[in-house]
């Protein structure tokens, strides 16, 4: 049972880290597009602002998942570390 719980938590950690990396990539790409000359004249600035907000929301959601997974693993280790009572 503990091994499957650890695998499940590890899987969630990997998913959350992947999501954080995707959000970071989206943020970096959006920042590069905003920094290009002429974006203000094309009207794409509002779309880029939406993209920044989406990246922030994605980052926050994946960070929350990462924190919960970390807490779950810590709780599991705490339970496993408790001495067995006869």
N, C-alpha and C. Protein backbone atom coordinates (compact mmCIF):
# COMPACT_ATOMS: atom_id res chain seq x y z
N UNK A 1 0.81 -1.21 0.00
CA UNK A 1 0.00 0.00 0.00
C UNK A 1 0.85 1.27 0.00
N UNK A 2 1.84 1.39 0.91
CA UNK A 2 2.64 2.62 0.90
C UNK A 2 3.37 2.84 -0.42
N UNK A 3 3.82 1.75 -1.06
CA UNK A 3 4.53 1.91 -2.33
C UNK A 3 3.63 2.51 -3.40
N UNK A 4 2.38 2.06 -3.45
CA UNK A 4 1.47 2.61 -4.45
C UNK A 4 1.14 4.06 -4.15
N UNK A 5 1.04 4.42 -2.89
CA UNK A 5 0.78 5.81 -2.52
C UNK A 5 1.96 6.69 -2.90
N UNK A 6 3.16 6.17 -2.71
CA UNK A 6 4.36 6.93 -3.08
C UNK A 6 4.42 7.11 -4.60
N UNK A 7 4.11 6.05 -5.34
CA UNK A 7 4.11 6.15 -6.81
C UNK A 7 3.07 7.15 -7.29
N UNK A 8 1.89 7.13 -6.66
CA UNK A 8 0.82 8.06 -7.03
C UNK A 8 1.25 9.50 -6.74
N UNK A 9 1.83 9.73 -5.58
CA UNK A 9 2.28 11.08 -5.24
C UNK A 9 3.41 11.53 -6.15
N UNK A 10 4.32 10.61 -6.46
CA UNK A 10 5.42 10.94 -7.36
C UNK A 10 4.89 11.31 -8.74
N UNK A 11 3.88 10.57 -9.21
CA UNK A 11 3.27 10.88 -10.50
C UNK A 11 2.65 12.26 -10.50
N UNK A 12 2.00 12.60 -9.42
CA UNK A 12 1.40 13.94 -9.32
C UNK A 12 2.48 15.02 -9.30
N UNK A 13 3.57 14.74 -8.62
CA UNK A 13 4.68 15.70 -8.60
C UNK A 13 5.22 15.93 -10.01
N UNK A 14 5.40 14.85 -10.75
CA UNK A 14 5.92 14.97 -12.13
C UNK A 14 4.96 15.76 -13.01
N UNK A 15 3.66 15.52 -12.85
CA UNK A 15 2.67 16.26 -13.64
C UNK A 15 2.71 17.74 -13.28
N UNK A 16 2.77 18.04 -11.99
CA UNK A 16 2.80 19.44 -11.54
C UNK A 16 4.06 20.15 -12.04
N UNK A 17 5.19 19.47 -11.97
CA UNK A 17 6.43 20.08 -12.45
C UNK A 17 6.36 20.31 -13.96
N UNK A 18 5.79 19.37 -14.69
CA UNK A 18 5.61 19.56 -16.12
C UNK A 18 4.71 20.76 -16.42
N UNK A 19 3.66 20.91 -15.62
CA UNK A 19 2.77 22.06 -15.78
C UNK A 19 3.47 23.37 -15.48
N UNK A 20 4.32 23.37 -14.45
CA UNK A 20 5.09 24.57 -14.13
C UNK A 20 6.03 24.94 -15.28
N UNK A 21 6.65 23.92 -15.85
CA UNK A 21 7.56 24.18 -16.97
C UNK A 21 6.81 24.73 -18.18
N UNK A 22 5.60 24.20 -18.44
CA UNK A 22 4.79 24.70 -19.55
C UNK A 22 4.38 26.15 -19.32
N UNK A 23 3.97 26.46 -18.08
CA UNK A 23 3.57 27.83 -17.77
C UNK A 23 4.75 28.79 -17.92
N UNK A 24 5.92 28.35 -17.48
CA UNK A 24 7.12 29.18 -17.62
C UNK A 24 7.43 29.42 -19.09
N UNK A 25 7.32 28.39 -19.90
CA UNK A 25 7.58 28.53 -21.33
C UNK A 25 6.59 29.49 -21.98
N UNK A 26 5.31 29.36 -21.60
CA UNK A 26 4.29 30.26 -22.14
C UNK A 26 4.58 31.70 -21.73
N UNK A 27 4.98 31.89 -20.50
CA UNK A 27 5.31 33.23 -20.01
C UNK A 27 6.49 33.82 -20.78
N UNK A 28 7.53 33.02 -20.96
CA UNK A 28 8.71 33.50 -21.67
C UNK A 28 8.39 33.83 -23.13
N UNK A 29 7.63 32.96 -23.79
CA UNK A 29 7.27 33.21 -25.19
C UNK A 29 6.40 34.44 -25.34
N UNK A 30 5.48 34.62 -24.42
CA UNK A 30 4.61 35.81 -24.46
C UNK A 30 5.43 37.07 -24.24
N UNK A 31 6.35 37.01 -23.29
CA UNK A 31 7.20 38.17 -23.02
C UNK A 31 8.04 38.54 -24.24
N UNK A 32 8.53 37.53 -24.94
CA UNK A 32 9.31 37.79 -26.17
C UNK A 32 8.44 38.45 -27.24
N UNK A 33 7.20 37.96 -27.36
CA UNK A 33 6.31 38.55 -28.37
C UNK A 33 5.96 40.00 -28.01
N UNK A 34 5.76 40.27 -26.72
CA UNK A 34 5.44 41.63 -26.28
C UNK A 34 6.61 42.57 -26.54
N UNK A 35 7.82 42.05 -26.37
CA UNK A 35 9.01 42.88 -26.53
C UNK A 35 9.31 43.21 -27.99
N UNK A 36 8.68 42.51 -28.93
CA UNK A 36 8.92 42.79 -30.35
C UNK A 36 8.38 44.17 -30.71
N UNK A 37 9.10 44.88 -31.53
CA UNK A 37 8.61 46.18 -31.96
C UNK A 37 7.35 46.04 -32.81
N UNK A 38 6.43 46.98 -32.65
CA UNK A 38 5.24 47.02 -33.48
C UNK A 38 4.05 46.26 -32.95
N UNK A 39 4.17 45.60 -31.81
CA UNK A 39 3.03 44.82 -31.31
C UNK A 39 1.87 45.73 -30.90
N UNK A 40 2.19 46.92 -30.40
CA UNK A 40 1.13 47.84 -29.99
C UNK A 40 0.27 48.26 -31.18
N UNK A 41 0.88 48.39 -32.34
CA UNK A 41 0.14 48.86 -33.50
C UNK A 41 -0.72 47.76 -34.13
N UNK A 42 -0.43 46.50 -33.83
CA UNK A 42 -1.20 45.41 -34.43
C UNK A 42 -2.42 45.04 -33.60
N UNK A 43 -2.52 45.53 -32.40
CA UNK A 43 -3.67 45.23 -31.55
C UNK A 43 -3.57 43.88 -30.85
N UNK A 44 -2.44 43.23 -30.94
CA UNK A 44 -2.26 41.93 -30.31
C UNK A 44 -1.90 42.02 -28.83
N UNK A 45 -1.72 43.22 -28.35
CA UNK A 45 -1.30 43.38 -26.96
C UNK A 45 -2.35 42.83 -25.99
N UNK A 46 -3.63 42.99 -26.30
CA UNK A 46 -4.66 42.46 -25.41
C UNK A 46 -4.62 40.93 -25.38
N UNK A 47 -4.35 40.31 -26.53
CA UNK A 47 -4.23 38.85 -26.56
C UNK A 47 -3.02 38.39 -25.74
N UNK A 48 -1.95 39.14 -25.81
CA UNK A 48 -0.76 38.78 -25.05
C UNK A 48 -1.00 38.95 -23.55
N UNK A 49 -1.78 39.95 -23.17
CA UNK A 49 -2.12 40.14 -21.75
C UNK A 49 -2.92 38.95 -21.24
N UNK A 50 -3.85 38.47 -22.06
CA UNK A 50 -4.64 37.29 -21.69
C UNK A 50 -3.72 36.08 -21.55
N UNK A 51 -2.75 35.96 -22.44
CA UNK A 51 -1.80 34.85 -22.38
C UNK A 51 -0.97 34.91 -21.10
N UNK A 52 -0.57 36.11 -20.70
CA UNK A 52 0.17 36.26 -19.45
C UNK A 52 -0.67 35.86 -18.25
N UNK A 53 -1.93 36.27 -18.25
CA UNK A 53 -2.82 35.90 -17.15
C UNK A 53 -3.05 34.40 -17.10
N UNK A 54 -3.18 33.78 -18.26
CA UNK A 54 -3.37 32.33 -18.31
C UNK A 54 -2.12 31.62 -17.79
N UNK A 55 -0.95 32.08 -18.17
CA UNK A 55 0.30 31.48 -17.69
C UNK A 55 0.39 31.60 -16.17
N UNK A 56 0.00 32.75 -15.65
CA UNK A 56 0.04 32.95 -14.19
C UNK A 56 -0.92 31.99 -13.49
N UNK A 57 -2.13 31.86 -14.03
CA UNK A 57 -3.12 30.96 -13.43
C UNK A 57 -2.64 29.50 -13.50
N UNK A 58 -2.10 29.11 -14.64
CA UNK A 58 -1.56 27.76 -14.78
C UNK A 58 -0.44 27.51 -13.78
N UNK A 59 0.43 28.49 -13.63
CA UNK A 59 1.55 28.36 -12.70
C UNK A 59 1.03 28.19 -11.27
N UNK A 60 0.07 29.02 -10.88
CA UNK A 60 -0.48 28.95 -9.52
C UNK A 60 -1.16 27.61 -9.27
N UNK A 61 -1.92 27.11 -10.25
CA UNK A 61 -2.61 25.84 -10.08
C UNK A 61 -1.62 24.68 -9.94
N UNK A 62 -0.59 24.67 -10.76
CA UNK A 62 0.40 23.61 -10.68
C UNK A 62 1.23 23.71 -9.42
N UNK A 63 1.49 24.90 -8.96
CA UNK A 63 2.21 25.08 -7.70
C UNK A 63 1.38 24.55 -6.54
N UNK A 64 0.08 24.80 -6.56
CA UNK A 64 -0.80 24.28 -5.50
C UNK A 64 -0.79 22.76 -5.51
N UNK A 65 -0.82 22.15 -6.70
CA UNK A 65 -0.76 20.70 -6.81
C UNK A 65 0.56 20.17 -6.26
N UNK A 66 1.63 20.86 -6.55
CA UNK A 66 2.95 20.47 -6.06
C UNK A 66 3.00 20.53 -4.54
N UNK A 67 2.45 21.57 -3.95
CA UNK A 67 2.44 21.70 -2.50
C UNK A 67 1.62 20.60 -1.84
N UNK A 68 0.45 20.30 -2.40
CA UNK A 68 -0.40 19.25 -1.82
C UNK A 68 0.29 17.90 -1.93
N UNK A 69 0.91 17.61 -3.07
CA UNK A 69 1.62 16.35 -3.23
C UNK A 69 2.76 16.24 -2.24
N UNK A 70 3.47 17.32 -2.03
CA UNK A 70 4.55 17.33 -1.05
C UNK A 70 4.02 17.05 0.35
N UNK A 71 2.89 17.66 0.70
CA UNK A 71 2.29 17.42 2.01
C UNK A 71 1.85 15.96 2.15
N UNK A 72 1.31 15.39 1.07
CA UNK A 72 0.88 14.00 1.11
C UNK A 72 2.07 13.06 1.34
N UNK A 73 3.14 13.31 0.65
CA UNK A 73 4.34 12.48 0.82
C UNK A 73 4.88 12.63 2.23
N UNK A 74 4.92 13.85 2.75
CA UNK A 74 5.41 14.07 4.11
C UNK A 74 4.53 13.34 5.13
N UNK A 75 3.22 13.40 4.93
CA UNK A 75 2.30 12.69 5.84
C UNK A 75 2.52 11.19 5.78
N UNK A 76 2.73 10.68 4.58
CA UNK A 76 2.98 9.25 4.43
C UNK A 76 4.26 8.85 5.14
N UNK A 77 5.31 9.64 4.97
CA UNK A 77 6.57 9.34 5.67
C UNK A 77 6.39 9.43 7.17
N UNK A 78 5.61 10.37 7.65
CA UNK A 78 5.36 10.48 9.09
C UNK A 78 4.67 9.23 9.61
N UNK A 79 3.70 8.72 8.84
CA UNK A 79 2.98 7.51 9.26
C UNK A 79 3.93 6.31 9.25
N UNK A 80 4.73 6.22 8.22
CA UNK A 80 5.67 5.10 8.12
C UNK A 80 6.75 5.15 9.18
N UNK A 81 7.08 6.32 9.66
CA UNK A 81 8.13 6.48 10.67
C UNK A 81 7.65 6.19 12.08
N UNK A 82 6.34 6.15 12.29
CA UNK A 82 5.81 5.89 13.62
C UNK A 82 6.14 4.46 14.02
N UNK A 83 6.57 4.27 15.26
CA UNK A 83 6.88 2.90 15.70
C UNK A 83 5.60 2.07 15.81
N UNK A 84 5.77 0.81 15.52
CA UNK A 84 4.64 -0.11 15.62
C UNK A 84 4.38 -0.44 17.09
N UNK A 85 3.11 -0.46 17.46
CA UNK A 85 2.77 -0.81 18.84
C UNK A 85 2.43 -2.29 18.90
N UNK A 86 2.89 -2.97 19.95
CA UNK A 86 2.65 -4.42 20.04
C UNK A 86 1.20 -4.74 20.35
